[in-house]
Amino acid sequence: MTEDEARTWVLERFGPVATERVVAFVAMVVEEAAHQNLIAPSTIPTIWERHVVDSLQLVALAGPEMHAMRWLDIGTGGGFPGMVVALVREGPVDLVEPRRRRADFLELCVARLGLGDQVRVYPTKVESVTAAARIISARAVASLENLLRGAAHCATTETRWLLPRGRLDEAEITALQKPWHFMFHVEQSVTNPESSIVVLDRVRAR
């Protein structure tokens, strides 16, 4: 997928208004990347494919019935996926980012993009967050076991977990079934055929 194709992918799915908001945010990320390591420098030339589309593919996996539900993104970093998700959908979005400089950048983006009524930034670890969400995302942070253990208090059995994992580790899924009950399926990433997205539903501790 080229950068032009990635922009077209966003435009076709979310419309021109949302796409222009994403354009503005991407410009802020590229500018700030000169001052702190928000994303890998090698991915800046392909930021629309590697970060924007890679993030926004999660919106369809959340399902249309979840469009206005609270979304919690763990380890948002430079804004992916949580910030771009907030730019294309309705409903509140909580961004959890314990690194202070990155959290400050996210707060700046919220102010500049007019998201103050929709987005809240938590400059802390998810264990300290009290928000309850119907959708939880985490883009390649922690092990699945540590992630569920750390964020379980923010979820109910109605919560859908959207977890991009790179190559699927089937042994990790098998091990996860010992301490947790859940239903799951795996989606292939649209940006990388070798990457997977684990979708968990009805998660509860055994």
N, C-alpha and C. Protein backbone atom coordinates (compact mmCIF):
# COMPACT_ATOMS: atom_id res chain seq x y z
N MET A 1 0.85 -1.19 0.00
CA MET A 1 0.00 0.00 0.00
C MET A 1 0.88 1.25 0.00
N THR A 2 0.72 2.08 -1.03
CA THR A 2 1.48 3.33 -1.08
C THR A 2 0.84 4.35 -0.14
N GLU A 3 1.52 5.48 0.06
CA GLU A 3 0.95 6.54 0.90
C GLU A 3 -0.31 7.13 0.27
N ASP A 4 -0.33 7.29 -1.04
CA ASP A 4 -1.54 7.78 -1.71
C ASP A 4 -2.69 6.79 -1.55
N GLU A 5 -2.39 5.52 -1.66
CA GLU A 5 -3.42 4.50 -1.47
C GLU A 5 -3.93 4.49 -0.03
N ALA A 6 -3.03 4.73 0.90
CA ALA A 6 -3.42 4.76 2.31
C ALA A 6 -4.35 5.94 2.59
N ARG A 7 -4.04 7.10 2.04
CA ARG A 7 -4.92 8.26 2.21
C ARG A 7 -6.29 8.00 1.57
N THR A 8 -6.28 7.39 0.40
CA THR A 8 -7.54 7.06 -0.27
C THR A 8 -8.35 6.07 0.55
N TRP A 9 -7.68 5.11 1.16
CA TRP A 9 -8.34 4.13 2.03
C TRP A 9 -9.08 4.84 3.15
N VAL A 10 -8.43 5.82 3.78
CA VAL A 10 -9.06 6.58 4.87
C VAL A 10 -10.21 7.42 4.33
N LEU A 11 -9.99 8.10 3.23
CA LEU A 11 -11.02 8.96 2.65
C LEU A 11 -12.27 8.18 2.30
N GLU A 12 -12.12 7.02 1.70
CA GLU A 12 -13.28 6.22 1.27
C GLU A 12 -14.09 5.70 2.45
N ARG A 13 -13.44 5.46 3.56
CA ARG A 13 -14.13 4.88 4.72
C ARG A 13 -14.67 5.91 5.70
N PHE A 14 -14.01 7.05 5.80
CA PHE A 14 -14.38 8.00 6.85
C PHE A 14 -14.77 9.38 6.34
N GLY A 15 -14.58 9.65 5.04
CA GLY A 15 -15.03 10.91 4.46
C GLY A 15 -14.00 12.02 4.54
N PRO A 16 -14.26 13.11 3.81
CA PRO A 16 -13.26 14.19 3.71
C PRO A 16 -13.03 14.97 4.99
N VAL A 17 -14.07 15.18 5.78
CA VAL A 17 -13.90 15.96 7.01
C VAL A 17 -12.98 15.23 7.99
N ALA A 18 -13.26 13.96 8.23
CA ALA A 18 -12.42 13.17 9.13
C ALA A 18 -11.00 13.05 8.58
N THR A 19 -10.89 12.88 7.28
CA THR A 19 -9.56 12.73 6.68
C THR A 19 -8.73 13.99 6.87
N GLU A 20 -9.34 15.16 6.73
CA GLU A 20 -8.60 16.41 6.94
C GLU A 20 -8.16 16.55 8.40
N ARG A 21 -8.96 16.07 9.31
CA ARG A 21 -8.56 16.09 10.73
C ARG A 21 -7.34 15.18 10.94
N VAL A 22 -7.36 14.04 10.29
CA VAL A 22 -6.21 13.13 10.40
C VAL A 22 -4.98 13.75 9.75
N VAL A 23 -5.14 14.43 8.61
CA VAL A 23 -4.02 15.12 7.97
C VAL A 23 -3.38 16.11 8.94
N ALA A 24 -4.20 16.88 9.65
CA ALA A 24 -3.68 17.86 10.60
C ALA A 24 -2.92 17.18 11.73
N PHE A 25 -3.46 16.07 12.21
CA PHE A 25 -2.78 15.35 13.29
C PHE A 25 -1.46 14.75 12.83
N VAL A 26 -1.45 14.16 11.65
CA VAL A 26 -0.21 13.58 11.11
C VAL A 26 0.87 14.64 11.01
N ALA A 27 0.51 15.83 10.58
CA ALA A 27 1.48 16.92 10.49
C ALA A 27 2.07 17.25 11.86
N MET A 28 1.24 17.20 12.90
CA MET A 28 1.71 17.47 14.26
C MET A 28 2.67 16.38 14.72
N VAL A 29 2.36 15.12 14.38
CA VAL A 29 3.24 14.02 14.76
C VAL A 29 4.60 14.16 14.09
N VAL A 30 4.60 14.45 12.81
CA VAL A 30 5.86 14.58 12.07
C VAL A 30 6.70 15.73 12.63
N GLU A 31 6.04 16.84 12.95
CA GLU A 31 6.76 17.98 13.52
C GLU A 31 7.35 17.63 14.89
N GLU A 32 6.56 17.00 15.73
CA GLU A 32 7.02 16.67 17.08
C GLU A 32 8.07 15.57 17.08
N ALA A 33 8.05 14.73 16.05
CA ALA A 33 9.02 13.62 15.98
C ALA A 33 10.45 14.12 15.89
N ALA A 34 10.63 15.37 15.53
CA ALA A 34 11.97 15.95 15.52
C ALA A 34 12.47 16.23 16.93
N HIS A 35 11.57 16.22 17.91
CA HIS A 35 11.92 16.57 19.28
C HIS A 35 11.83 15.39 20.25
N GLN A 36 11.01 14.41 19.92
CA GLN A 36 10.95 13.20 20.74
C GLN A 36 10.56 12.02 19.87
N ASN A 37 10.88 10.82 20.34
CA ASN A 37 10.71 9.61 19.54
C ASN A 37 9.28 9.08 19.65
N LEU A 38 8.36 9.73 18.93
CA LEU A 38 6.95 9.31 18.97
C LEU A 38 6.73 8.02 18.20
N ILE A 39 7.34 7.93 17.04
CA ILE A 39 7.28 6.73 16.20
C ILE A 39 8.68 6.48 15.67
N ALA A 40 8.93 5.28 15.20
CA ALA A 40 10.26 4.98 14.66
C ALA A 40 10.55 5.92 13.49
N PRO A 41 11.69 6.61 13.50
CA PRO A 41 12.00 7.56 12.42
C PRO A 41 11.91 6.93 11.03
N SER A 42 12.24 5.65 10.92
CA SER A 42 12.22 4.99 9.62
C SER A 42 10.81 4.86 9.05
N THR A 43 9.78 5.02 9.92
CA THR A 43 8.40 4.86 9.46
C THR A 43 7.74 6.19 9.10
N ILE A 44 8.42 7.31 9.29
CA ILE A 44 7.81 8.60 8.97
C ILE A 44 7.43 8.71 7.49
N PRO A 45 8.28 8.27 6.54
CA PRO A 45 7.88 8.35 5.13
C PRO A 45 6.66 7.50 4.77
N THR A 46 6.34 6.53 5.61
CA THR A 46 5.18 5.66 5.35
C THR A 46 4.17 5.75 6.50
N ILE A 47 4.04 6.92 7.09
CA ILE A 47 3.23 7.08 8.30
C ILE A 47 1.76 6.77 8.06
N TRP A 48 1.24 7.06 6.85
CA TRP A 48 -0.17 6.77 6.59
C TRP A 48 -0.43 5.27 6.54
N GLU A 49 0.44 4.53 5.92
CA GLU A 49 0.26 3.08 5.90
C GLU A 49 0.59 2.45 7.24
N ARG A 50 1.79 2.74 7.74
CA ARG A 50 2.32 2.04 8.91
C ARG A 50 1.60 2.40 10.21
N HIS A 51 1.05 3.60 10.28
CA HIS A 51 0.45 4.04 11.54
C HIS A 51 -1.03 4.41 11.41
N VAL A 52 -1.38 5.21 10.39
CA VAL A 52 -2.77 5.66 10.29
C VAL A 52 -3.70 4.51 9.89
N VAL A 53 -3.46 3.89 8.75
CA VAL A 53 -4.33 2.79 8.32
C VAL A 53 -4.22 1.61 9.29
N ASP A 54 -3.02 1.34 9.76
CA ASP A 54 -2.82 0.25 10.71
C ASP A 54 -3.68 0.46 11.96
N SER A 55 -3.87 1.72 12.36
CA SER A 55 -4.71 2.04 13.51
C SER A 55 -6.19 2.01 13.16
N LEU A 56 -6.55 2.65 12.04
CA LEU A 56 -7.97 2.83 11.73
C LEU A 56 -8.66 1.55 11.28
N GLN A 57 -7.90 0.53 10.92
CA GLN A 57 -8.56 -0.74 10.60
C GLN A 57 -9.27 -1.32 11.82
N LEU A 58 -8.91 -0.87 13.01
CA LEU A 58 -9.56 -1.36 14.22
C LEU A 58 -10.99 -0.88 14.36
N VAL A 59 -11.31 0.26 13.73
CA VAL A 59 -12.66 0.82 13.88
C VAL A 59 -13.72 -0.15 13.36
N ALA A 60 -13.48 -0.74 12.20
CA ALA A 60 -14.45 -1.71 11.66
C ALA A 60 -14.56 -2.93 12.55
N LEU A 61 -13.45 -3.33 13.18
CA LEU A 61 -13.48 -4.51 14.04
C LEU A 61 -14.24 -4.26 15.33
N ALA A 62 -14.35 -3.00 15.72
CA ALA A 62 -15.14 -2.67 16.91
C ALA A 62 -16.62 -2.90 16.66
N GLY A 63 -17.05 -2.78 15.40
CA GLY A 63 -18.44 -3.01 15.06
C GLY A 63 -19.26 -1.73 15.08
N PRO A 64 -20.25 -1.59 14.18
CA PRO A 64 -21.05 -0.37 14.12
C PRO A 64 -21.84 -0.09 15.38
N GLU A 65 -22.22 -1.12 16.10
CA GLU A 65 -22.99 -0.93 17.33
C GLU A 65 -22.16 -0.27 18.43
N MET A 66 -20.84 -0.23 18.24
CA MET A 66 -19.94 0.34 19.24
C MET A 66 -19.52 1.78 18.90
N HIS A 67 -20.12 2.36 17.85
CA HIS A 67 -19.61 3.62 17.31
C HIS A 67 -19.61 4.76 18.33
N ALA A 68 -20.56 4.75 19.25
CA ALA A 68 -20.63 5.82 20.23
C ALA A 68 -20.19 5.37 21.63
N MET A 69 -19.67 4.16 21.73
CA MET A 69 -19.25 3.63 23.03
C MET A 69 -17.86 4.12 23.43
N ARG A 70 -17.59 4.07 24.72
CA ARG A 70 -16.29 4.52 25.22
C ARG A 70 -15.18 3.57 24.77
N TRP A 71 -14.10 4.17 24.27
CA TRP A 71 -12.94 3.43 23.76
C TRP A 71 -11.74 3.79 24.63
N LEU A 72 -11.05 2.79 25.13
CA LEU A 72 -9.85 2.99 25.94
C LEU A 72 -8.65 2.43 25.19
N ASP A 73 -7.66 3.29 24.96
CA ASP A 73 -6.46 2.87 24.24
C ASP A 73 -5.28 2.89 25.20
N ILE A 74 -4.62 1.76 25.32
CA ILE A 74 -3.54 1.59 26.29
C ILE A 74 -2.19 1.71 25.60
N GLY A 75 -1.32 2.58 26.12
CA GLY A 75 -0.01 2.78 25.53
C GLY A 75 -0.09 3.54 24.21
N THR A 76 -0.83 4.65 24.22
CA THR A 76 -1.11 5.39 23.00
C THR A 76 0.14 5.93 22.32
N GLY A 77 1.16 6.25 23.10
CA GLY A 77 2.42 6.73 22.51
C GLY A 77 2.23 8.01 21.73
N GLY A 78 2.56 7.98 20.43
CA GLY A 78 2.43 9.15 19.59
C GLY A 78 1.04 9.39 19.06
N GLY A 79 0.06 8.62 19.52
CA GLY A 79 -1.33 8.84 19.12
C GLY A 79 -1.98 7.71 18.35
N PHE A 80 -1.28 6.58 18.26
CA PHE A 80 -1.78 5.45 17.46
C PHE A 80 -2.01 4.23 18.34
N PRO A 81 -3.22 3.68 18.32
CA PRO A 81 -4.34 4.07 17.46
C PRO A 81 -5.29 5.10 18.05
N GLY A 82 -5.21 5.38 19.35
CA GLY A 82 -6.27 6.10 20.05
C GLY A 82 -6.64 7.46 19.49
N MET A 83 -5.65 8.30 19.20
CA MET A 83 -5.96 9.65 18.75
C MET A 83 -6.62 9.64 17.37
N VAL A 84 -6.09 8.86 16.44
CA VAL A 84 -6.71 8.85 15.11
C VAL A 84 -8.09 8.21 15.14
N VAL A 85 -8.30 7.25 16.02
CA VAL A 85 -9.63 6.68 16.20
C VAL A 85 -10.61 7.78 16.62
N ALA A 86 -10.19 8.62 17.56
CA ALA A 86 -11.05 9.70 18.03
C ALA A 86 -11.39 10.69 16.92
N LEU A 87 -10.52 10.83 15.95
CA LEU A 87 -10.73 11.79 14.87
C LEU A 87 -11.75 11.32 13.83
N VAL A 88 -12.09 10.03 13.83
CA VAL A 88 -12.98 9.51 12.78
C VAL A 88 -14.28 8.93 13.31
N ARG A 89 -14.47 8.92 14.62
CA ARG A 89 -15.68 8.30 15.15
C ARG A 89 -16.30 9.16 16.25
N GLU A 90 -17.54 8.84 16.60
CA GLU A 90 -18.19 9.47 17.72
C GLU A 90 -17.80 8.72 18.99
N GLY A 91 -18.18 9.27 20.11
CA GLY A 91 -17.97 8.56 21.37
C GLY A 91 -16.68 8.96 22.04
N PRO A 92 -16.66 8.84 23.37
CA PRO A 92 -15.48 9.22 24.14
C PRO A 92 -14.32 8.26 23.94
N VAL A 93 -13.12 8.80 23.99
CA VAL A 93 -11.90 8.01 23.85
C VAL A 93 -10.95 8.40 24.98
N ASP A 94 -10.45 7.41 25.69
CA ASP A 94 -9.47 7.63 26.76
C ASP A 94 -8.12 7.11 26.30
N LEU A 95 -7.10 7.96 26.41
CA LEU A 95 -5.75 7.62 25.99
C LEU A 95 -4.87 7.43 27.21
N VAL A 96 -4.29 6.25 27.35
CA VAL A 96 -3.44 5.95 28.50
C VAL A 96 -1.99 5.94 28.03
N GLU A 97 -1.21 6.87 28.54
CA GLU A 97 0.19 6.99 28.13
C GLU A 97 1.02 7.44 29.32
N PRO A 98 1.78 6.51 29.94
CA PRO A 98 2.51 6.85 31.16
C PRO A 98 3.74 7.72 30.96
N ARG A 99 4.26 7.80 29.74
CA ARG A 99 5.45 8.63 29.51
C ARG A 99 5.04 10.08 29.40
N ARG A 100 5.56 10.91 30.30
CA ARG A 100 5.08 12.27 30.48
C ARG A 100 5.17 13.11 29.22
N ARG A 101 6.28 13.07 28.51
CA ARG A 101 6.42 13.92 27.33
C ARG A 101 5.43 13.53 26.23
N ARG A 102 5.21 12.25 26.08
CA ARG A 102 4.23 11.82 25.09
C ARG A 102 2.82 12.20 25.51
N ALA A 103 2.53 12.06 26.78
CA ALA A 103 1.21 12.47 27.28
C ALA A 103 1.00 13.97 27.08
N ASP A 104 2.05 14.75 27.31
CA ASP A 104 1.95 16.20 27.09
C ASP A 104 1.66 16.51 25.63
N PHE A 105 2.30 15.77 24.72
CA PHE A 105 2.04 15.96 23.30
C PHE A 105 0.59 15.62 22.96
N LEU A 106 0.09 14.53 23.52
CA LEU A 106 -1.29 14.14 23.26
C LEU A 106 -2.26 15.20 23.79
N GLU A 107 -1.97 15.77 24.95
CA GLU A 107 -2.81 16.84 25.50
C GLU A 107 -2.82 18.05 24.57
N LEU A 108 -1.66 18.37 24.00
CA LEU A 108 -1.57 19.48 23.06
C LEU A 108 -2.42 19.21 21.82
N CYS A 109 -2.37 17.99 21.33
CA CYS A 109 -3.17 17.62 20.17
C CYS A 109 -4.67 17.71 20.46
N VAL A 110 -5.06 17.27 21.63
CA VAL A 110 -6.47 17.35 22.03
C VAL A 110 -6.94 18.80 21.99
N ALA A 111 -6.11 19.71 22.52
CA ALA A 111 -6.48 21.13 22.55
C ALA A 111 -6.53 21.72 21.14
N ARG A 112 -5.50 21.46 20.33
CA ARG A 112 -5.42 22.07 19.00
C ARG A 112 -6.47 21.52 18.05
N LEU A 113 -6.85 20.27 18.23
CA LEU A 113 -7.80 19.64 17.32
C LEU A 113 -9.24 19.73 17.82
N GLY A 114 -9.45 20.41 18.94
CA GLY A 114 -10.79 20.62 19.45
C GLY A 114 -11.47 19.37 19.96
N LEU A 115 -10.70 18.50 20.62
CA LEU A 115 -11.23 17.22 21.08
C LEU A 115 -11.48 17.19 22.59
N GLY A 116 -11.48 18.36 23.21
CA GLY A 116 -11.56 18.41 24.67
C GLY A 116 -12.80 17.78 25.26
N ASP A 117 -13.91 17.78 24.51
CA ASP A 117 -15.14 17.18 25.02
C ASP A 117 -15.23 15.69 24.76
N GLN A 118 -14.28 15.17 23.98
CA GLN A 118 -14.35 13.76 23.57
C GLN A 118 -13.20 12.92 24.11
N VAL A 119 -12.03 13.50 24.21
CA VAL A 119 -10.81 12.73 24.52
C VAL A 119 -10.23 13.15 25.86
N ARG A 120 -9.86 12.15 26.64
CA ARG A 120 -9.15 12.39 27.90
C ARG A 120 -7.83 11.64 27.88
N VAL A 121 -6.77 12.31 28.31
CA VAL A 121 -5.45 11.70 28.37
C VAL A 121 -5.13 11.35 29.82
N TYR A 122 -4.74 10.10 30.04
CA TYR A 122 -4.32 9.66 31.37
C TYR A 122 -2.80 9.47 31.36
N PRO A 123 -2.04 10.37 32.00
CA PRO A 123 -0.58 10.25 32.01
C PRO A 123 -0.11 9.29 33.09
N THR A 124 -0.53 8.04 32.99
CA THR A 124 -0.26 7.06 34.04
C THR A 124 -0.36 5.67 33.44
N LYS A 125 -0.05 4.66 34.25
CA LYS A 125 -0.24 3.28 33.82
C LYS A 125 -1.72 2.92 33.93
N VAL A 126 -2.14 1.94 33.15
CA VAL A 126 -3.55 1.60 33.10
C VAL A 126 -4.05 1.08 34.44
N GLU A 127 -3.18 0.54 35.25
CA GLU A 127 -3.59 0.05 36.57
C GLU A 127 -4.19 1.16 37.43
N SER A 128 -3.84 2.42 37.13
CA SER A 128 -4.34 3.55 37.91
C SER A 128 -5.56 4.22 37.29
N VAL A 129 -6.01 3.73 36.15
CA VAL A 129 -7.14 4.32 35.45
C VAL A 129 -8.44 3.71 35.95
N THR A 130 -9.45 4.55 36.13
CA THR A 130 -10.73 4.05 36.66
C THR A 130 -11.84 4.02 35.61
N ALA A 131 -11.58 4.50 34.40
CA ALA A 131 -12.61 4.52 33.36
C ALA A 131 -12.99 3.11 32.95
N ALA A 132 -14.28 2.90 32.67
CA ALA A 132 -14.76 1.62 32.16
C ALA A 132 -15.08 1.79 30.68
N ALA A 133 -14.68 0.83 29.86
CA ALA A 133 -14.80 0.97 28.41
C ALA A 133 -15.46 -0.24 27.78
N ARG A 134 -16.15 0.00 26.64
CA ARG A 134 -16.72 -1.11 25.87
C ARG A 134 -15.74 -1.61 24.82
N ILE A 135 -14.74 -0.79 24.49
CA ILE A 135 -13.69 -1.20 23.56
C ILE A 135 -12.35 -0.87 24.20
N ILE A 136 -11.45 -1.83 24.20
CA ILE A 136 -10.08 -1.61 24.69
C ILE A 136 -9.12 -2.01 23.59
N SER A 137 -8.21 -1.11 23.26
CA SER A 137 -7.17 -1.42 22.27
C SER A 137 -5.80 -1.25 22.90
N ALA A 138 -4.86 -1.98 22.37
CA ALA A 138 -3.47 -1.87 22.81
C ALA A 138 -2.62 -2.37 21.66
N ARG A 139 -1.81 -1.50 21.11
CA ARG A 139 -1.05 -1.81 19.90
C ARG A 139 0.34 -2.32 20.29
N ALA A 140 0.43 -3.65 20.39
CA ALA A 140 1.71 -4.31 20.66
C ALA A 140 2.36 -3.81 21.95
N VAL A 141 1.59 -3.76 23.03
CA VAL A 141 2.16 -3.45 24.33
C VAL A 141 1.95 -4.64 25.25
N ALA A 142 2.99 -4.99 25.98
CA ALA A 142 2.93 -6.03 27.00
C ALA A 142 2.53 -7.39 26.42
N SER A 143 2.56 -8.39 27.27
CA SER A 143 2.03 -9.70 26.89
C SER A 143 0.52 -9.66 27.07
N LEU A 144 -0.19 -10.55 26.40
CA LEU A 144 -1.64 -10.58 26.55
C LEU A 144 -2.05 -10.82 28.00
N GLU A 145 -1.34 -11.70 28.68
CA GLU A 145 -1.66 -11.99 30.08
C GLU A 145 -1.49 -10.75 30.95
N ASN A 146 -0.36 -10.05 30.80
CA ASN A 146 -0.13 -8.84 31.59
C ASN A 146 -1.13 -7.76 31.24
N LEU A 147 -1.48 -7.68 29.97
CA LEU A 147 -2.44 -6.67 29.53
C LEU A 147 -3.81 -6.91 30.16
N LEU A 148 -4.30 -8.14 30.09
CA LEU A 148 -5.60 -8.44 30.67
C LEU A 148 -5.59 -8.23 32.18
N ARG A 149 -4.52 -8.67 32.82
CA ARG A 149 -4.44 -8.51 34.27
C ARG A 149 -4.43 -7.04 34.66
N GLY A 150 -3.68 -6.23 33.91
CA GLY A 150 -3.54 -4.82 34.27
C GLY A 150 -4.77 -3.99 33.96
N ALA A 151 -5.54 -4.38 32.94
CA ALA A 151 -6.66 -3.55 32.50
C ALA A 151 -8.03 -4.17 32.78
N ALA A 152 -8.08 -5.30 33.41
CA ALA A 152 -9.36 -6.00 33.62
C ALA A 152 -10.36 -5.14 34.38
N HIS A 153 -9.89 -4.29 35.28
CA HIS A 153 -10.80 -3.44 36.06
C HIS A 153 -11.46 -2.36 35.21
N CYS A 154 -10.96 -2.14 33.99
CA CYS A 154 -11.56 -1.16 33.08
C CYS A 154 -12.56 -1.81 32.12
N ALA A 155 -12.78 -3.11 32.26
CA ALA A 155 -13.60 -3.85 31.32
C ALA A 155 -14.74 -4.58 32.04
N THR A 156 -15.73 -4.95 31.23
CA THR A 156 -16.77 -5.86 31.68
C THR A 156 -16.78 -7.03 30.70
N THR A 157 -17.67 -7.98 30.90
CA THR A 157 -17.76 -9.10 29.95
C THR A 157 -18.33 -8.65 28.61
N GLU A 158 -18.84 -7.42 28.52
CA GLU A 158 -19.34 -6.86 27.26
C GLU A 158 -18.25 -6.14 26.47
N THR A 159 -17.09 -5.98 27.06
CA THR A 159 -16.00 -5.24 26.41
C THR A 159 -15.37 -6.06 25.30
N ARG A 160 -15.09 -5.41 24.19
CA ARG A 160 -14.33 -6.04 23.11
C ARG A 160 -12.89 -5.52 23.16
N TRP A 161 -11.95 -6.45 23.11
CA TRP A 161 -10.52 -6.13 23.14
C TRP A 161 -9.96 -6.27 21.72
N LEU A 162 -9.31 -5.22 21.21
CA LEU A 162 -8.72 -5.22 19.87
C LEU A 162 -7.21 -5.08 20.03
N LEU A 163 -6.50 -6.16 19.71
CA LEU A 163 -5.09 -6.25 20.09
C LEU A 163 -4.20 -6.63 18.91
N PRO A 164 -3.67 -5.64 18.18
CA PRO A 164 -2.69 -5.94 17.13
C PRO A 164 -1.44 -6.55 17.75
N ARG A 165 -1.01 -7.69 17.20
CA ARG A 165 0.07 -8.42 17.86
C ARG A 165 1.26 -8.75 16.94
N GLY A 166 1.29 -8.25 15.71
CA GLY A 166 2.34 -8.73 14.82
C GLY A 166 2.03 -10.18 14.47
N ARG A 167 3.04 -11.01 14.41
CA ARG A 167 2.80 -12.43 14.14
C ARG A 167 2.12 -13.09 15.34
N LEU A 168 1.10 -13.86 15.06
CA LEU A 168 0.33 -14.49 16.12
C LEU A 168 1.14 -15.57 16.81
N ASP A 169 1.18 -15.51 18.13
CA ASP A 169 1.83 -16.54 18.92
C ASP A 169 0.73 -17.44 19.48
N GLU A 170 0.50 -18.57 18.83
CA GLU A 170 -0.58 -19.46 19.24
C GLU A 170 -0.36 -20.01 20.64
N ALA A 171 0.90 -20.17 21.02
CA ALA A 171 1.19 -20.67 22.37
C ALA A 171 0.75 -19.66 23.42
N GLU A 172 0.86 -18.36 23.10
CA GLU A 172 0.43 -17.33 24.04
C GLU A 172 -1.08 -17.38 24.23
N ILE A 173 -1.83 -17.60 23.15
CA ILE A 173 -3.28 -17.73 23.25
C ILE A 173 -3.65 -18.95 24.09
N THR A 174 -2.98 -20.06 23.85
CA THR A 174 -3.25 -21.28 24.61
C THR A 174 -2.99 -21.07 26.09
N ALA A 175 -1.86 -20.45 26.41
CA ALA A 175 -1.53 -20.19 27.81
C ALA A 175 -2.53 -19.25 28.46
N LEU A 176 -3.07 -18.32 27.68
CA LEU A 176 -4.01 -17.34 28.21
C LEU A 176 -5.33 -17.99 28.62
N GLN A 177 -5.64 -19.14 28.06
CA GLN A 177 -6.90 -19.82 28.35
C GLN A 177 -6.89 -20.48 29.73
N LYS A 178 -5.74 -20.57 30.35
CA LYS A 178 -5.70 -21.16 31.70
C LYS A 178 -6.24 -20.20 32.75
N PRO A 179 -5.79 -18.93 32.79
CA PRO A 179 -6.32 -18.03 33.81
C PRO A 179 -7.55 -17.24 33.38
N TRP A 180 -7.94 -17.30 32.07
CA TRP A 180 -9.03 -16.47 31.58
C TRP A 180 -10.00 -17.28 30.73
N HIS A 181 -11.30 -16.95 30.86
CA HIS A 181 -12.32 -17.39 29.92
C HIS A 181 -12.45 -16.29 28.87
N PHE A 182 -12.60 -16.64 27.61
CA PHE A 182 -12.85 -15.65 26.57
C PHE A 182 -13.21 -16.35 25.27
N MET A 183 -13.83 -15.58 24.37
CA MET A 183 -14.01 -15.98 22.99
C MET A 183 -13.06 -15.14 22.16
N PHE A 184 -12.52 -15.72 21.09
CA PHE A 184 -11.59 -14.93 20.30
C PHE A 184 -11.63 -15.35 18.84
N HIS A 185 -11.23 -14.40 18.00
CA HIS A 185 -10.90 -14.72 16.62
C HIS A 185 -9.75 -13.82 16.20
N VAL A 186 -9.15 -14.16 15.09
CA VAL A 186 -7.96 -13.44 14.63
C VAL A 186 -8.23 -12.87 13.25
N GLU A 187 -7.93 -11.59 13.08
CA GLU A 187 -8.06 -10.91 11.80
C GLU A 187 -6.67 -10.62 11.25
N GLN A 188 -6.55 -10.70 9.93
CA GLN A 188 -5.29 -10.35 9.29
C GLN A 188 -5.22 -8.85 9.08
N SER A 189 -4.08 -8.26 9.36
CA SER A 189 -3.89 -6.83 9.17
C SER A 189 -3.97 -6.48 7.69
N VAL A 190 -4.60 -5.33 7.38
CA VAL A 190 -4.67 -4.90 5.98
C VAL A 190 -3.36 -4.27 5.52
N THR A 191 -2.49 -3.94 6.46
CA THR A 191 -1.23 -3.29 6.08
C THR A 191 -0.06 -4.26 6.02
N ASN A 192 -0.22 -5.43 6.64
CA ASN A 192 0.87 -6.40 6.65
C ASN A 192 0.28 -7.81 6.73
N PRO A 193 0.38 -8.59 5.67
CA PRO A 193 -0.23 -9.93 5.67
C PRO A 193 0.36 -10.86 6.72
N GLU A 194 1.52 -10.52 7.27
CA GLU A 194 2.13 -11.36 8.29
C GLU A 194 1.74 -10.93 9.71
N SER A 195 0.95 -9.86 9.82
CA SER A 195 0.53 -9.37 11.13
C SER A 195 -0.92 -9.72 11.42
N SER A 196 -1.22 -9.93 12.68
CA SER A 196 -2.55 -10.34 13.10
C SER A 196 -3.12 -9.39 14.13
N ILE A 197 -4.43 -9.36 14.21
CA ILE A 197 -5.14 -8.62 15.24
C ILE A 197 -5.99 -9.61 16.02
N VAL A 198 -5.73 -9.74 17.30
CA VAL A 198 -6.49 -10.64 18.15
C VAL A 198 -7.71 -9.88 18.68
N VAL A 199 -8.89 -10.43 18.48
CA VAL A 199 -10.13 -9.85 18.96
C VAL A 199 -10.69 -10.75 20.04
N LEU A 200 -10.81 -10.20 21.25
CA LEU A 200 -11.29 -10.96 22.39
C LEU A 200 -12.66 -10.43 22.83
N ASP A 201 -13.57 -11.33 23.13
CA ASP A 201 -14.89 -10.97 23.66
C ASP A 201 -15.19 -11.85 24.88
N ARG A 202 -16.10 -11.33 25.71
CA ARG A 202 -16.59 -12.05 26.90
C ARG A 202 -15.42 -12.51 27.79
N VAL A 203 -14.51 -11.62 28.03
CA VAL A 203 -13.33 -11.93 28.83
C VAL A 203 -13.67 -11.87 30.31
N ARG A 204 -13.29 -12.91 31.04
CA ARG A 204 -13.42 -12.89 32.51
C ARG A 204 -12.40 -13.85 33.10
N ALA A 205 -11.97 -13.55 34.29
CA ALA A 205 -11.00 -14.39 34.97
C ALA A 205 -11.65 -15.69 35.40
N ARG A 206 -10.87 -16.76 35.36
CA ARG A 206 -11.39 -18.05 35.84
C ARG A 206 -11.42 -18.05 37.37
